[in-house]
Amino acid sequence: MRRMPAPRLLLALAVAATLVACDRNVEPFVAGEKPSPPNLSKIFPPGAEQARTMTAPGEPPPPPTEAPRGGDAPAAPAASGPPIRGVVRLAPGLEGRLPANATLFVIARGGAGGPPVAVKRVPAAVLPFEFELGPEDRMIQTVPFAGPLQLAARLDADGNATTRAAGDVQGTAAAPVEPGAAGVEIVLDEPL
């Protein structure tokens, strides 16, 4: 009897285990059945869809999405305050250490921390940068843009908000602010 090489044997065992353990709950074929998208309202909370798609300046916002299947009406946007205005500056001494064409993220989090309430992404930002962060920048439209909000900013070399790399620099506002605040200053003074 011929023996199977170890890597092939392991692969064969993995495939066999997958086939045995696979339980896809496949329903029987129904003639004339029309395909339809799944009802994701049971999985995702209302408003979890992307807050808005990017549009060119001066372009009207996209039309609202249609109501989810199953009869549920889309969740109404939460009541929110006016935008926050301010400037992001670079701390003295860090001028020459910044990555070229870095992306600036201005982030607002609720007073207790947690996930961002709103984020503005600015590719190839030039500092100092005057920002306006408001309800239209919310991550989830049903989360109110209400204070107090802790503001932070990060200059990110690869433009990916989930990564951190040497050369990135971040900073936070001195104190939490309420919607409608003006003159907020965020100093990028913490190199990563």
N, C-alpha and C. Protein backbone atom coordinates (compact mmCIF):
# COMPACT_ATOMS: atom_id res chain seq x y z
N MET A 1 0.83 -1.17 0.00
CA MET A 1 0.00 0.00 0.00
C MET A 1 0.89 1.25 0.00
N ARG A 2 0.52 2.19 -0.86
CA ARG A 2 1.30 3.42 -1.03
C ARG A 2 0.82 4.46 -0.02
N ARG A 3 1.78 5.12 0.68
CA ARG A 3 1.43 6.14 1.68
C ARG A 3 1.33 7.51 1.03
N MET A 4 0.37 8.30 1.48
CA MET A 4 0.18 9.65 0.99
C MET A 4 1.15 10.57 1.73
N PRO A 5 1.81 11.52 1.02
CA PRO A 5 2.71 12.46 1.71
C PRO A 5 1.93 13.24 2.78
N ALA A 6 2.61 13.61 3.86
CA ALA A 6 1.98 14.27 5.01
C ALA A 6 1.19 15.53 4.64
N PRO A 7 1.74 16.47 3.82
CA PRO A 7 0.95 17.67 3.50
C PRO A 7 -0.34 17.34 2.76
N ARG A 8 -0.29 16.38 1.83
CA ARG A 8 -1.50 16.00 1.10
C ARG A 8 -2.50 15.32 2.02
N LEU A 9 -2.00 14.52 2.93
CA LEU A 9 -2.87 13.84 3.88
C LEU A 9 -3.60 14.86 4.75
N LEU A 10 -2.87 15.85 5.24
CA LEU A 10 -3.48 16.89 6.06
C LEU A 10 -4.53 17.67 5.27
N LEU A 11 -4.23 18.00 4.02
CA LEU A 11 -5.18 18.71 3.18
C LEU A 11 -6.43 17.87 2.94
N ALA A 12 -6.24 16.58 2.67
CA ALA A 12 -7.37 15.69 2.44
C ALA A 12 -8.23 15.58 3.69
N LEU A 13 -7.61 15.50 4.86
CA LEU A 13 -8.36 15.43 6.11
C LEU A 13 -9.13 16.73 6.36
N ALA A 14 -8.51 17.87 6.06
CA ALA A 14 -9.17 19.17 6.25
C ALA A 14 -10.38 19.29 5.34
N VAL A 15 -10.24 18.90 4.08
CA VAL A 15 -11.36 18.96 3.14
C VAL A 15 -12.48 18.01 3.59
N ALA A 16 -12.12 16.81 4.01
CA ALA A 16 -13.13 15.84 4.46
C ALA A 16 -13.86 16.36 5.70
N ALA A 17 -13.14 16.95 6.64
CA ALA A 17 -13.77 17.50 7.85
C ALA A 17 -14.70 18.64 7.50
N THR A 18 -14.31 19.47 6.55
CA THR A 18 -15.16 20.58 6.12
C THR A 18 -16.44 20.07 5.49
N LEU A 19 -16.33 19.08 4.64
CA LEU A 19 -17.51 18.54 3.98
C LEU A 19 -18.45 17.86 4.97
N VAL A 20 -17.90 17.19 5.96
CA VAL A 20 -18.72 16.51 6.95
C VAL A 20 -19.38 17.54 7.87
N ALA A 21 -18.66 18.59 8.25
CA ALA A 21 -19.16 19.58 9.19
C ALA A 21 -20.02 20.65 8.54
N CYS A 22 -20.06 20.70 7.23
CA CYS A 22 -20.81 21.74 6.53
C CYS A 22 -22.30 21.48 6.63
N ASP A 23 -23.02 22.40 7.20
CA ASP A 23 -24.48 22.31 7.30
C ASP A 23 -25.03 23.64 6.83
N ARG A 24 -25.31 23.77 5.56
CA ARG A 24 -25.68 25.05 4.99
C ARG A 24 -27.17 25.33 5.06
N ASN A 25 -27.96 24.41 5.56
CA ASN A 25 -29.41 24.58 5.59
C ASN A 25 -29.95 24.98 4.24
N VAL A 26 -29.63 24.22 3.24
CA VAL A 26 -30.08 24.51 1.88
C VAL A 26 -31.54 24.10 1.76
N GLU A 27 -32.36 25.07 1.35
CA GLU A 27 -33.78 24.81 1.18
C GLU A 27 -34.01 24.22 -0.20
N PRO A 28 -35.12 23.48 -0.37
CA PRO A 28 -35.38 22.86 -1.67
C PRO A 28 -35.67 23.91 -2.74
N PHE A 29 -35.40 23.56 -3.97
CA PHE A 29 -35.65 24.43 -5.11
C PHE A 29 -37.15 24.60 -5.33
N VAL A 30 -37.58 25.84 -5.53
CA VAL A 30 -38.99 26.13 -5.82
C VAL A 30 -39.03 26.73 -7.21
N ALA A 31 -39.73 26.06 -8.13
CA ALA A 31 -39.82 26.55 -9.51
C ALA A 31 -40.53 27.90 -9.53
N GLY A 32 -40.00 28.85 -10.30
CA GLY A 32 -40.61 30.17 -10.44
C GLY A 32 -40.28 31.14 -9.32
N GLU A 33 -39.50 30.72 -8.35
CA GLU A 33 -39.15 31.61 -7.24
C GLU A 33 -38.23 32.72 -7.73
N LYS A 34 -38.52 33.95 -7.36
CA LYS A 34 -37.71 35.11 -7.75
C LYS A 34 -36.66 35.38 -6.66
N PRO A 35 -35.42 35.64 -7.06
CA PRO A 35 -34.40 35.96 -6.06
C PRO A 35 -34.69 37.34 -5.45
N SER A 36 -34.41 37.49 -4.17
CA SER A 36 -34.58 38.79 -3.50
C SER A 36 -33.46 38.96 -2.50
N PRO A 37 -33.09 40.22 -2.25
CA PRO A 37 -32.02 40.46 -1.29
C PRO A 37 -32.47 40.08 0.12
N PRO A 38 -31.56 39.67 0.98
CA PRO A 38 -31.93 39.28 2.34
C PRO A 38 -32.38 40.49 3.15
N ASN A 39 -33.21 40.26 4.15
CA ASN A 39 -33.65 41.31 5.06
C ASN A 39 -32.59 41.45 6.14
N LEU A 40 -31.76 42.47 6.04
CA LEU A 40 -30.66 42.66 6.98
C LEU A 40 -31.06 43.47 8.20
N SER A 41 -32.32 43.89 8.28
CA SER A 41 -32.75 44.71 9.42
C SER A 41 -32.68 43.92 10.73
N LYS A 42 -32.67 42.60 10.67
CA LYS A 42 -32.56 41.79 11.88
C LYS A 42 -31.12 41.70 12.35
N ILE A 43 -30.18 42.01 11.46
CA ILE A 43 -28.76 41.90 11.79
C ILE A 43 -28.18 43.26 12.17
N PHE A 44 -28.48 44.29 11.37
CA PHE A 44 -27.89 45.60 11.57
C PHE A 44 -28.91 46.55 12.17
N PRO A 45 -28.51 47.41 13.12
CA PRO A 45 -29.46 48.35 13.71
C PRO A 45 -29.84 49.42 12.70
N PRO A 46 -31.01 50.05 12.88
CA PRO A 46 -31.40 51.13 11.96
C PRO A 46 -30.36 52.23 11.95
N GLY A 47 -30.04 52.75 10.80
CA GLY A 47 -29.07 53.83 10.67
C GLY A 47 -27.64 53.36 10.56
N ALA A 48 -27.41 52.06 10.54
CA ALA A 48 -26.04 51.56 10.49
C ALA A 48 -25.46 51.66 9.09
N GLU A 49 -26.28 52.01 8.12
CA GLU A 49 -25.75 52.19 6.78
C GLU A 49 -24.81 53.39 6.78
N GLN A 50 -23.98 53.49 5.78
CA GLN A 50 -23.02 54.60 5.69
C GLN A 50 -23.76 55.93 5.80
N ALA A 51 -23.24 56.83 6.58
CA ALA A 51 -23.90 58.10 6.85
C ALA A 51 -24.24 58.84 5.56
N ARG A 52 -23.34 58.91 4.66
CA ARG A 52 -23.61 59.54 3.37
C ARG A 52 -22.50 59.15 2.42
N THR A 53 -22.76 59.26 1.13
CA THR A 53 -21.71 58.99 0.17
C THR A 53 -21.02 60.29 -0.15
N MET A 54 -19.80 60.20 -0.60
CA MET A 54 -19.04 61.41 -0.93
C MET A 54 -19.61 62.04 -2.19
N THR A 55 -19.83 63.34 -2.14
CA THR A 55 -20.29 64.08 -3.31
C THR A 55 -19.35 65.24 -3.54
N ALA A 56 -19.32 65.72 -4.75
CA ALA A 56 -18.47 66.85 -5.09
C ALA A 56 -19.06 68.10 -4.45
N PRO A 57 -18.21 69.10 -4.13
CA PRO A 57 -18.72 70.33 -3.54
C PRO A 57 -19.78 70.96 -4.44
N GLY A 58 -20.87 71.39 -3.83
CA GLY A 58 -21.95 72.03 -4.58
C GLY A 58 -22.95 71.05 -5.17
N GLU A 59 -22.67 69.75 -5.10
CA GLU A 59 -23.56 68.74 -5.64
C GLU A 59 -24.61 68.40 -4.59
N PRO A 60 -25.86 68.16 -4.97
CA PRO A 60 -26.87 67.83 -3.98
C PRO A 60 -26.59 66.46 -3.37
N PRO A 61 -27.07 66.24 -2.14
CA PRO A 61 -26.84 64.93 -1.53
C PRO A 61 -27.61 63.85 -2.28
N PRO A 62 -27.20 62.59 -2.14
CA PRO A 62 -27.89 61.51 -2.83
C PRO A 62 -29.31 61.36 -2.29
N PRO A 63 -30.21 60.78 -3.09
CA PRO A 63 -31.58 60.60 -2.61
C PRO A 63 -31.62 59.60 -1.47
N PRO A 64 -32.64 59.68 -0.61
CA PRO A 64 -32.72 58.73 0.51
C PRO A 64 -32.90 57.32 -0.02
N THR A 65 -32.45 56.37 0.78
CA THR A 65 -32.57 54.97 0.38
C THR A 65 -34.00 54.52 0.60
N GLU A 66 -34.40 53.47 -0.10
CA GLU A 66 -35.77 52.98 0.04
C GLU A 66 -35.91 52.25 1.36
N ALA A 67 -37.14 52.13 1.83
CA ALA A 67 -37.43 51.47 3.10
C ALA A 67 -37.00 50.01 3.03
N PRO A 68 -36.49 49.48 4.13
CA PRO A 68 -36.10 48.08 4.14
C PRO A 68 -37.31 47.19 3.91
N ARG A 69 -37.06 46.01 3.36
CA ARG A 69 -38.15 45.04 3.16
C ARG A 69 -38.62 44.56 4.52
N GLY A 70 -39.86 44.19 4.57
CA GLY A 70 -40.39 43.73 5.85
C GLY A 70 -41.29 44.77 6.47
N GLY A 71 -41.50 45.94 5.82
CA GLY A 71 -42.44 46.93 6.28
C GLY A 71 -41.87 47.95 7.24
N ASP A 72 -40.65 47.79 7.71
CA ASP A 72 -40.08 48.77 8.62
C ASP A 72 -39.71 50.03 7.86
N ALA A 73 -40.05 51.18 8.40
CA ALA A 73 -39.65 52.44 7.79
C ALA A 73 -38.22 52.74 8.22
N PRO A 74 -37.45 53.45 7.37
CA PRO A 74 -36.09 53.78 7.78
C PRO A 74 -36.11 54.68 9.01
N ALA A 75 -35.12 54.52 9.86
CA ALA A 75 -35.04 55.33 11.07
C ALA A 75 -34.78 56.78 10.70
N ALA A 76 -35.43 57.67 11.40
CA ALA A 76 -35.25 59.10 11.15
C ALA A 76 -33.92 59.55 11.74
N PRO A 77 -33.26 60.51 11.09
CA PRO A 77 -32.03 61.03 11.65
C PRO A 77 -32.29 61.64 13.03
N ALA A 78 -31.33 61.48 13.93
CA ALA A 78 -31.48 62.00 15.28
C ALA A 78 -31.33 63.52 15.29
N ALA A 79 -31.95 64.14 16.26
CA ALA A 79 -31.82 65.59 16.41
C ALA A 79 -30.36 65.91 16.70
N SER A 80 -29.87 66.96 16.09
CA SER A 80 -28.46 67.29 16.23
C SER A 80 -28.25 68.78 16.31
N GLY A 81 -27.10 69.14 16.85
CA GLY A 81 -26.74 70.54 16.98
C GLY A 81 -25.97 71.04 15.76
N PRO A 82 -25.62 72.31 15.78
CA PRO A 82 -24.87 72.91 14.67
C PRO A 82 -23.43 72.40 14.62
N PRO A 83 -22.75 72.63 13.50
CA PRO A 83 -21.37 72.15 13.36
C PRO A 83 -20.39 72.86 14.31
N ILE A 84 -19.29 72.17 14.53
CA ILE A 84 -18.19 72.71 15.32
C ILE A 84 -17.15 73.22 14.34
N ARG A 85 -16.60 74.41 14.60
CA ARG A 85 -15.59 74.99 13.71
C ARG A 85 -14.31 75.22 14.50
N GLY A 86 -13.19 75.03 13.80
CA GLY A 86 -11.91 75.24 14.45
C GLY A 86 -10.77 75.09 13.48
N VAL A 87 -9.57 74.90 14.05
CA VAL A 87 -8.37 74.78 13.23
C VAL A 87 -7.49 73.67 13.81
N VAL A 88 -6.84 72.93 12.92
CA VAL A 88 -5.86 71.91 13.31
C VAL A 88 -4.49 72.48 12.97
N ARG A 89 -3.64 72.55 13.97
CA ARG A 89 -2.28 73.09 13.79
C ARG A 89 -1.25 72.01 14.15
N LEU A 90 -0.04 72.24 13.66
CA LEU A 90 1.07 71.35 13.96
C LEU A 90 1.93 71.98 15.05
N ALA A 91 2.34 71.20 16.04
CA ALA A 91 3.18 71.70 17.11
C ALA A 91 4.53 72.13 16.56
N PRO A 92 5.11 73.18 17.11
CA PRO A 92 6.44 73.62 16.66
C PRO A 92 7.46 72.48 16.80
N GLY A 93 8.33 72.38 15.83
CA GLY A 93 9.37 71.36 15.85
C GLY A 93 9.01 70.09 15.09
N LEU A 94 7.76 69.95 14.66
CA LEU A 94 7.36 68.75 13.94
C LEU A 94 7.22 68.99 12.44
N GLU A 95 7.48 70.20 11.98
CA GLU A 95 7.26 70.55 10.58
C GLU A 95 7.95 69.61 9.59
N GLY A 96 9.19 69.28 9.79
CA GLY A 96 9.93 68.47 8.83
C GLY A 96 9.71 66.98 8.95
N ARG A 97 8.95 66.54 9.95
CA ARG A 97 8.81 65.10 10.22
C ARG A 97 7.50 64.52 9.70
N LEU A 98 6.73 65.28 8.93
CA LEU A 98 5.43 64.80 8.48
C LEU A 98 5.54 64.07 7.15
N PRO A 99 4.73 63.04 6.97
CA PRO A 99 4.70 62.34 5.69
C PRO A 99 4.05 63.21 4.61
N ALA A 100 4.55 63.13 3.40
CA ALA A 100 3.98 63.90 2.29
C ALA A 100 2.60 63.35 1.94
N ASN A 101 1.70 64.24 1.56
CA ASN A 101 0.34 63.87 1.13
C ASN A 101 -0.41 63.03 2.16
N ALA A 102 -0.19 63.30 3.44
CA ALA A 102 -0.88 62.55 4.49
C ALA A 102 -2.36 62.95 4.55
N THR A 103 -3.18 62.05 5.08
CA THR A 103 -4.61 62.28 5.24
C THR A 103 -4.88 62.75 6.66
N LEU A 104 -5.67 63.81 6.78
CA LEU A 104 -6.04 64.33 8.09
C LEU A 104 -7.41 63.78 8.46
N PHE A 105 -7.52 63.26 9.68
CA PHE A 105 -8.80 62.81 10.23
C PHE A 105 -9.13 63.72 11.40
N VAL A 106 -10.32 64.34 11.38
CA VAL A 106 -10.82 65.11 12.52
C VAL A 106 -11.96 64.27 13.08
N ILE A 107 -11.88 63.93 14.36
CA ILE A 107 -12.76 62.93 14.96
C ILE A 107 -13.46 63.51 16.18
N ALA A 108 -14.78 63.29 16.29
CA ALA A 108 -15.56 63.68 17.47
C ALA A 108 -16.08 62.42 18.14
N ARG A 109 -15.81 62.31 19.45
CA ARG A 109 -16.31 61.18 20.24
C ARG A 109 -17.18 61.73 21.36
N GLY A 110 -18.15 60.93 21.80
CA GLY A 110 -19.00 61.32 22.92
C GLY A 110 -18.17 61.51 24.16
N GLY A 111 -18.72 62.23 25.13
CA GLY A 111 -18.00 62.55 26.36
C GLY A 111 -17.42 61.34 27.08
N ALA A 112 -18.07 60.18 26.97
CA ALA A 112 -17.59 58.98 27.64
C ALA A 112 -16.62 58.17 26.78
N GLY A 113 -16.21 58.71 25.63
CA GLY A 113 -15.32 57.98 24.73
C GLY A 113 -16.11 57.04 23.85
N GLY A 114 -15.51 55.94 23.47
CA GLY A 114 -16.20 54.98 22.62
C GLY A 114 -15.98 55.27 21.14
N PRO A 115 -16.84 54.70 20.29
CA PRO A 115 -16.66 54.88 18.85
C PRO A 115 -16.92 56.32 18.44
N PRO A 116 -16.37 56.74 17.30
CA PRO A 116 -16.57 58.11 16.86
C PRO A 116 -18.04 58.40 16.54
N VAL A 117 -18.47 59.61 16.91
CA VAL A 117 -19.80 60.10 16.54
C VAL A 117 -19.72 60.64 15.12
N ALA A 118 -18.65 61.39 14.83
CA ALA A 118 -18.48 62.00 13.51
C ALA A 118 -17.01 62.02 13.14
N VAL A 119 -16.74 61.92 11.84
CA VAL A 119 -15.35 61.93 11.34
C VAL A 119 -15.32 62.71 10.03
N LYS A 120 -14.33 63.56 9.89
CA LYS A 120 -14.07 64.24 8.63
C LYS A 120 -12.72 63.74 8.14
N ARG A 121 -12.67 63.29 6.89
CA ARG A 121 -11.44 62.78 6.27
C ARG A 121 -11.00 63.76 5.20
N VAL A 122 -9.77 64.27 5.31
CA VAL A 122 -9.26 65.27 4.37
C VAL A 122 -7.96 64.76 3.76
N PRO A 123 -8.01 64.26 2.51
CA PRO A 123 -6.78 63.79 1.87
C PRO A 123 -5.84 64.96 1.56
N ALA A 124 -4.56 64.73 1.68
CA ALA A 124 -3.50 65.71 1.35
C ALA A 124 -3.78 67.06 1.99
N ALA A 125 -4.09 67.07 3.27
CA ALA A 125 -4.40 68.31 3.99
C ALA A 125 -3.15 69.17 4.16
N VAL A 126 -3.35 70.47 4.09
CA VAL A 126 -2.28 71.44 4.32
C VAL A 126 -2.55 72.10 5.66
N LEU A 127 -1.57 72.07 6.55
CA LEU A 127 -1.72 72.65 7.89
C LEU A 127 -1.18 74.06 7.94
N PRO A 128 -1.78 74.95 8.72
CA PRO A 128 -2.96 74.75 9.54
C PRO A 128 -4.20 74.56 8.66
N PHE A 129 -5.14 73.74 9.16
CA PHE A 129 -6.34 73.41 8.41
C PHE A 129 -7.57 73.84 9.20
N GLU A 130 -8.40 74.69 8.58
CA GLU A 130 -9.65 75.11 9.21
C GLU A 130 -10.71 74.06 8.90
N PHE A 131 -11.36 73.56 9.95
CA PHE A 131 -12.34 72.49 9.76
C PHE A 131 -13.73 72.91 10.22
N GLU A 132 -14.71 72.17 9.71
CA GLU A 132 -16.09 72.25 10.16
C GLU A 132 -16.56 70.81 10.25
N LEU A 133 -16.96 70.40 11.45
CA LEU A 133 -17.41 69.03 11.70
C LEU A 133 -18.82 69.11 12.25
N GLY A 134 -19.76 68.50 11.52
CA GLY A 134 -21.15 68.64 11.93
C GLY A 134 -21.96 67.37 11.74
N PRO A 135 -23.28 67.51 11.84
CA PRO A 135 -24.17 66.35 11.73
C PRO A 135 -24.00 65.58 10.42
N GLU A 136 -23.65 66.25 9.34
CA GLU A 136 -23.48 65.55 8.06
C GLU A 136 -22.25 64.64 8.06
N ASP A 137 -21.39 64.76 9.05
CA ASP A 137 -20.18 63.92 9.15
C ASP A 137 -20.37 62.74 10.11
N ARG A 138 -21.59 62.55 10.62
CA ARG A 138 -21.83 61.45 11.56
C ARG A 138 -21.58 60.10 10.91
N MET A 139 -21.14 59.15 11.71
CA MET A 139 -20.90 57.79 11.25
C MET A 139 -22.22 57.04 11.08
N ILE A 140 -23.16 57.25 12.01
CA ILE A 140 -24.48 56.63 11.95
C ILE A 140 -25.50 57.75 12.13
N GLN A 141 -26.40 57.90 11.17
CA GLN A 141 -27.32 59.03 11.15
C GLN A 141 -28.27 59.07 12.34
N THR A 142 -28.54 57.95 12.99
CA THR A 142 -29.46 57.95 14.12
C THR A 142 -28.78 58.33 15.44
N VAL A 143 -27.46 58.48 15.43
CA VAL A 143 -26.74 58.92 16.62
C VAL A 143 -26.74 60.44 16.61
N PRO A 144 -27.24 61.08 17.67
CA PRO A 144 -27.30 62.54 17.66
C PRO A 144 -25.91 63.17 17.72
N PHE A 145 -25.79 64.30 17.03
CA PHE A 145 -24.56 65.10 17.10
C PHE A 145 -24.77 66.07 18.26
N ALA A 146 -24.55 65.55 19.47
CA ALA A 146 -24.82 66.32 20.68
C ALA A 146 -23.64 66.18 21.62
N GLY A 147 -23.43 67.18 22.44
CA GLY A 147 -22.26 67.22 23.30
C GLY A 147 -22.51 66.67 24.68
N PRO A 148 -21.45 66.68 25.46
CA PRO A 148 -20.13 67.18 25.08
C PRO A 148 -19.40 66.20 24.16
N LEU A 149 -18.59 66.77 23.26
CA LEU A 149 -17.82 65.96 22.31
C LEU A 149 -16.34 66.24 22.50
N GLN A 150 -15.55 65.17 22.54
CA GLN A 150 -14.10 65.29 22.62
C GLN A 150 -13.56 65.25 21.19
N LEU A 151 -12.83 66.28 20.79
CA LEU A 151 -12.28 66.34 19.43
C LEU A 151 -10.83 65.90 19.42
N ALA A 152 -10.48 65.18 18.39
CA ALA A 152 -9.09 64.75 18.17
C ALA A 152 -8.82 64.84 16.68
N ALA A 153 -7.55 64.86 16.33
CA ALA A 153 -7.14 64.87 14.93
C ALA A 153 -5.92 64.00 14.79
N ARG A 154 -5.78 63.39 13.62
CA ARG A 154 -4.60 62.58 13.33
C ARG A 154 -4.20 62.78 11.89
N LEU A 155 -2.93 62.98 11.65
CA LEU A 155 -2.36 63.06 10.31
C LEU A 155 -1.78 61.69 10.03
N ASP A 156 -2.36 60.99 9.05
CA ASP A 156 -2.07 59.59 8.82
C ASP A 156 -1.40 59.40 7.45
N ALA A 157 -0.24 58.76 7.42
CA ALA A 157 0.54 58.61 6.19
C ALA A 157 -0.16 57.77 5.13
N ASP A 158 -0.80 56.65 5.53
CA ASP A 158 -1.39 55.76 4.52
C ASP A 158 -2.87 56.04 4.26
N GLY A 159 -3.48 56.98 4.98
CA GLY A 159 -4.88 57.33 4.73
C GLY A 159 -5.88 56.32 5.26
N ASN A 160 -5.41 55.32 6.00
CA ASN A 160 -6.29 54.30 6.56
C ASN A 160 -6.47 54.59 8.05
N ALA A 161 -7.70 54.91 8.45
CA ALA A 161 -7.96 55.30 9.84
C ALA A 161 -7.72 54.18 10.84
N THR A 162 -7.70 52.94 10.40
CA THR A 162 -7.54 51.82 11.33
C THR A 162 -6.09 51.45 11.60
N THR A 163 -5.16 52.05 10.88
CA THR A 163 -3.75 51.71 11.08
C THR A 163 -3.00 52.85 11.75
N ARG A 164 -1.94 52.51 12.40
CA ARG A 164 -1.04 53.50 13.01
C ARG A 164 0.36 53.15 12.53
N ALA A 165 1.12 54.17 12.16
CA ALA A 165 2.47 53.92 11.67
C ALA A 165 3.42 54.99 12.18
N ALA A 166 4.68 54.65 12.22
CA ALA A 166 5.69 55.63 12.61
C ALA A 166 5.61 56.80 11.64
N GLY A 167 5.65 58.01 12.15
CA GLY A 167 5.54 59.19 11.32
C GLY A 167 4.16 59.84 11.41
N ASP A 168 3.14 59.07 11.79
CA ASP A 168 1.82 59.66 12.01
C ASP A 168 1.90 60.55 13.25
N VAL A 169 1.05 61.55 13.29
CA VAL A 169 1.03 62.46 14.44
C VAL A 169 -0.42 62.77 14.79
N GLN A 170 -0.70 62.88 16.09
CA GLN A 170 -2.07 63.11 16.54
C GLN A 170 -2.09 64.15 17.65
N GLY A 171 -3.30 64.62 17.97
CA GLY A 171 -3.49 65.58 19.05
C GLY A 171 -4.96 65.69 19.38
N THR A 172 -5.27 66.30 20.53
CA THR A 172 -6.65 66.47 20.96
C THR A 172 -6.90 67.91 21.35
N ALA A 173 -8.18 68.29 21.34
CA ALA A 173 -8.57 69.61 21.81
C ALA A 173 -8.38 69.64 23.33
N ALA A 174 -8.19 70.82 23.89
CA ALA A 174 -7.91 70.96 25.31
C ALA A 174 -9.05 70.47 26.19
N ALA A 175 -10.30 70.65 25.75
CA ALA A 175 -11.45 70.27 26.57
C ALA A 175 -12.59 69.85 25.65
N PRO A 176 -13.55 69.08 26.18
CA PRO A 176 -14.72 68.74 25.38
C PRO A 176 -15.49 70.00 24.98
N VAL A 177 -16.19 69.92 23.84
CA VAL A 177 -16.93 71.07 23.33
C VAL A 177 -18.36 70.66 23.01
N GLU A 178 -19.22 71.65 22.89
CA GLU A 178 -20.62 71.44 22.52
C GLU A 178 -20.78 71.76 21.04
N PRO A 179 -21.77 71.17 20.37
CA PRO A 179 -22.05 71.55 18.99
C PRO A 179 -22.28 73.07 18.90
N GLY A 180 -21.80 73.66 17.83
CA GLY A 180 -21.89 75.10 17.64
C GLY A 180 -20.66 75.85 18.11
N ALA A 181 -19.74 75.15 18.78
CA ALA A 181 -18.51 75.81 19.26
C ALA A 181 -17.69 76.29 18.07
N ALA A 182 -17.03 77.42 18.25
CA ALA A 182 -16.17 77.98 17.21
C ALA A 182 -14.82 78.29 17.83
N GLY A 183 -13.79 78.36 16.98
CA GLY A 183 -12.45 78.68 17.46
C GLY A 183 -11.78 77.54 18.20
N VAL A 184 -12.23 76.31 18.01
CA VAL A 184 -11.61 75.16 18.66
C VAL A 184 -10.26 74.90 18.02
N GLU A 185 -9.25 74.70 18.84
CA GLU A 185 -7.91 74.45 18.32
C GLU A 185 -7.45 73.05 18.72
N ILE A 186 -6.97 72.32 17.73
CA ILE A 186 -6.39 71.00 17.96
C ILE A 186 -4.94 71.08 17.51
N VAL A 187 -4.03 70.80 18.42
CA VAL A 187 -2.60 70.85 18.11
C VAL A 187 -2.09 69.42 17.97
N LEU A 188 -1.53 69.11 16.80
CA LEU A 188 -0.93 67.80 16.55
C LEU A 188 0.45 67.81 17.21
N ASP A 189 0.56 67.16 18.36
CA ASP A 189 1.80 67.22 19.11
C ASP A 189 2.27 65.87 19.64
N GLU A 190 1.59 64.79 19.24
CA GLU A 190 1.97 63.46 19.70
C GLU A 190 2.40 62.59 18.54
N PRO A 191 3.71 62.52 18.24
CA PRO A 191 4.17 61.62 17.16
C PRO A 191 3.94 60.17 17.57
N LEU A 192 3.57 59.34 16.59
CA LEU A 192 3.37 57.90 16.86
C LEU A 192 4.61 57.12 16.49
